[in-house]
Protein backbone atom coordinates (compact mmCIF):
# COMPACT_ATOMS: atom_id res chain seq x y z
CA MET A 1 4.42 -35.73 0.97
CA LYS A 2 5.84 -33.06 3.23
CA GLU A 3 3.82 -30.36 4.96
CA VAL A 4 5.24 -26.84 4.97
CA LYS A 5 4.06 -24.10 7.29
CA ILE A 6 4.42 -20.49 6.16
CA GLU A 7 3.78 -17.72 8.66
CA SER A 8 3.40 -13.98 8.40
CA VAL A 9 4.06 -11.68 11.32
CA PHE A 10 2.48 -8.23 11.73
CA GLN A 11 2.57 -5.50 14.34
CA VAL A 12 -0.82 -3.98 15.20
CA TYR A 13 -1.12 -0.48 16.63
CA GLU A 14 -4.42 0.39 18.32
CA THR A 15 -4.41 3.87 16.76
CA ILE A 16 -2.29 5.93 14.40
CA LEU A 17 -1.02 7.85 17.44
CA GLU A 18 0.92 4.75 18.58
CA THR A 19 2.96 4.64 15.35
CA PRO A 20 6.26 6.50 14.95
CA GLU A 21 5.90 10.20 14.13
CA GLU A 22 7.24 9.77 10.58
CA VAL A 23 4.58 7.12 9.95
CA GLN A 24 1.87 9.43 11.27
CA GLU A 25 3.04 12.13 8.85
CA LEU A 26 3.14 9.67 5.97
CA MET A 27 -0.35 8.41 6.81
CA GLU A 28 -1.58 12.04 6.86
CA ARG A 29 -0.34 12.35 3.29
CA ALA A 30 -2.15 9.11 2.42
CA VAL A 31 -5.38 10.50 3.91
CA GLU A 32 -4.98 13.66 1.79
CA ALA A 33 -4.50 11.45 -1.28
CA ARG A 34 -7.55 9.36 -0.34
CA GLN A 35 -9.66 12.51 -0.44
CA LYS A 36 -8.64 12.94 -4.10
CA ALA A 37 -9.79 9.47 -5.14
CA TYR A 38 -12.16 9.16 -8.07
CA ALA A 39 -14.49 6.34 -7.03
CA PRO A 40 -18.02 7.09 -8.29
CA TYR A 41 -18.86 3.39 -8.77
CA SER A 42 -17.55 1.64 -5.67
CA GLN A 43 -17.63 4.65 -3.32
CA PHE A 44 -14.46 3.10 -1.87
CA HIS A 45 -11.67 5.68 -1.59
CA VAL A 46 -8.05 4.63 -1.12
CA GLY A 47 -4.99 6.81 -0.60
CA VAL A 48 -1.32 5.87 -0.52
CA ALA A 49 1.85 7.72 0.39
CA LEU A 50 5.32 6.38 -0.38
CA PHE A 51 8.50 7.55 1.33
CA LEU A 52 11.51 7.20 -0.95
CA ASP A 53 15.20 7.01 -0.08
CA ASN A 54 15.71 10.41 -1.76
CA ASN A 55 13.37 11.94 0.88
CA GLN A 56 10.56 12.43 -1.65
CA VAL A 57 6.98 11.51 -0.80
CA VAL A 58 4.82 10.26 -3.66
CA THR A 59 1.08 9.88 -3.26
CA GLY A 60 -1.65 8.16 -5.21
CA SER A 61 -5.38 7.50 -5.06
CA ASN A 62 -7.63 5.00 -6.76
CA GLN A 63 -9.05 6.09 -10.10
CA GLU A 64 -12.12 4.21 -11.32
CA ASN A 65 -13.60 3.88 -14.78
CA ALA A 66 -17.05 2.78 -15.96
CA SER A 67 -15.24 0.18 -18.05
CA TYR A 68 -14.04 -2.16 -15.32
CA PRO A 69 -11.17 -3.03 -14.90
CA SER A 70 -9.76 0.03 -16.65
CA GLY A 71 -9.33 1.91 -13.39
CA LEU A 72 -6.25 1.71 -11.21
CA CYS A 73 -5.75 1.13 -7.50
CA ALA A 74 -4.06 3.77 -5.34
CA GLU A 75 -1.05 1.57 -4.59
CA ARG A 76 -0.23 1.03 -8.25
CA THR A 77 -0.95 4.68 -9.11
CA ALA A 78 1.66 5.77 -6.55
CA ILE A 79 4.24 3.07 -7.18
CA TYR A 80 4.18 3.50 -10.96
CA TYR A 81 4.47 7.28 -10.61
CA ALA A 82 7.44 6.83 -8.26
CA GLY A 83 9.03 4.43 -10.76
CA ALA A 84 8.49 6.85 -13.64
CA GLN A 85 9.67 10.00 -11.82
CA TYR A 86 12.40 8.54 -9.59
CA PRO A 87 13.55 5.34 -11.33
CA ASN A 88 16.64 4.90 -9.15
CA ALA A 89 14.99 5.68 -5.81
CA LYS A 90 14.05 2.93 -3.38
CA ILE A 91 10.68 2.85 -1.68
CA LEU A 92 11.31 2.66 2.04
CA LYS A 93 7.80 2.99 3.50
CA MET A 94 4.24 2.78 2.22
CA ALA A 95 1.16 4.08 4.06
CA ILE A 96 -2.29 2.96 2.89
CA THR A 97 -5.70 4.15 4.07
CA ALA A 98 -9.17 3.29 2.78
CA ALA A 99 -12.66 4.63 3.50
CA SER A 100 -16.05 3.67 2.14
CA GLN A 101 -18.68 6.32 1.48
CA LEU A 102 -21.32 3.63 2.17
CA LYS A 103 -20.31 2.39 5.63
CA PRO A 104 -17.59 2.93 8.25
CA THR A 105 -14.24 1.37 7.36
CA LEU A 106 -12.73 0.67 10.75
CA SER A 107 -10.54 -2.37 10.08
CA PRO A 108 -7.14 -2.16 8.38
CA ILE A 109 -7.37 -2.57 4.59
CA PRO A 110 -4.34 -4.30 2.99
CA PRO A 111 -3.45 -4.06 -0.71
CA CYS A 112 -5.40 -6.24 -3.14
CA GLY A 113 -3.72 -9.16 -4.87
CA ALA A 114 -2.89 -7.23 -8.06
CA CYS A 115 -1.26 -4.47 -6.02
CA ARG A 116 0.69 -6.98 -3.95
CA GLN A 117 2.12 -8.43 -7.15
CA ALA A 118 3.04 -4.95 -8.46
CA ILE A 119 4.64 -3.93 -5.17
CA SER A 120 6.60 -7.19 -5.09
CA GLU A 121 8.17 -6.31 -8.44
CA TYR A 122 9.59 -3.11 -6.93
CA GLU A 123 10.68 -4.80 -3.69
CA ILE A 124 12.54 -7.47 -5.67
CA ARG A 125 14.05 -4.93 -8.07
CA GLN A 126 15.36 -2.68 -5.31
CA LYS A 127 16.61 -5.64 -3.22
CA THR A 128 15.33 -4.07 0.00
CA PRO A 129 12.03 -4.50 1.83
CA ILE A 130 9.20 -2.00 1.61
CA GLU A 131 7.83 -1.37 5.09
CA MET A 132 4.04 -1.15 4.88
CA TYR A 133 1.40 0.39 7.15
CA PHE A 134 -2.30 0.06 6.41
CA MET A 135 -5.53 1.15 8.05
CA GLY A 136 -9.18 1.95 7.40
CA GLU A 137 -10.45 5.48 7.85
CA SER A 138 -9.61 5.20 11.57
CA GLY A 139 -8.81 2.59 14.16
CA LYS A 140 -6.03 0.03 14.15
CA VAL A 141 -2.94 0.28 11.97
CA VAL A 142 -1.14 -2.85 10.78
CA ARG A 143 2.59 -2.89 9.99
CA SER A 144 4.26 -5.43 7.75
CA HIS A 145 8.05 -5.30 7.54
CA SER A 146 7.89 -6.09 3.83
CA LEU A 147 5.65 -7.05 0.95
CA SER A 148 7.06 -10.57 1.01
CA ASN A 149 5.45 -10.92 4.45
CA LEU A 150 2.04 -10.22 2.84
CA LEU A 151 2.74 -12.34 -0.22
CA PRO A 152 5.15 -15.08 0.88
CA LEU A 153 5.03 -17.13 -2.34
CA ILE A 154 5.99 -14.40 -4.77
CA PHE A 155 5.82 -14.94 -8.52
CA ASP A 156 8.79 -13.14 -10.10
CA LYS A 157 10.97 -13.03 -13.20
CA SER A 158 13.09 -15.93 -11.98
CA GLN A 159 10.15 -18.22 -12.78
CA LEU A 160 9.78 -17.04 -16.38
């Protein structure tokens, strides 16, 4: 047997004001999207903003449904819209913000497993990393240089 160590490296900003200006603007768009979330069951609102290589910004918010799991997370809402509207554009940056209506959300909230898998499909397809920033409603912001950093053992079409 051989032991393998896999590491992920992140940059942590104490506040959004420490991030580059273009990230602050993108996160503002994610906050606006978060305010449009439909989350009557979980009371957990998520917003996402994607910056594409054609200079378009695509946003998405989570959309719940009484028939779980028929709803859709904000990340997949945005990424699928970007894929449908701009099929040849690459996603360069993704900003994610989440806030609970039930308690303060002060720690950075990364994408769920299903969203990580969906984002990985686009990162693999476009053959370039998707830079990701995620935060709660306020506080620290975490940067990952790519989705593969969040999900190092990616399942993709090569395994089918």
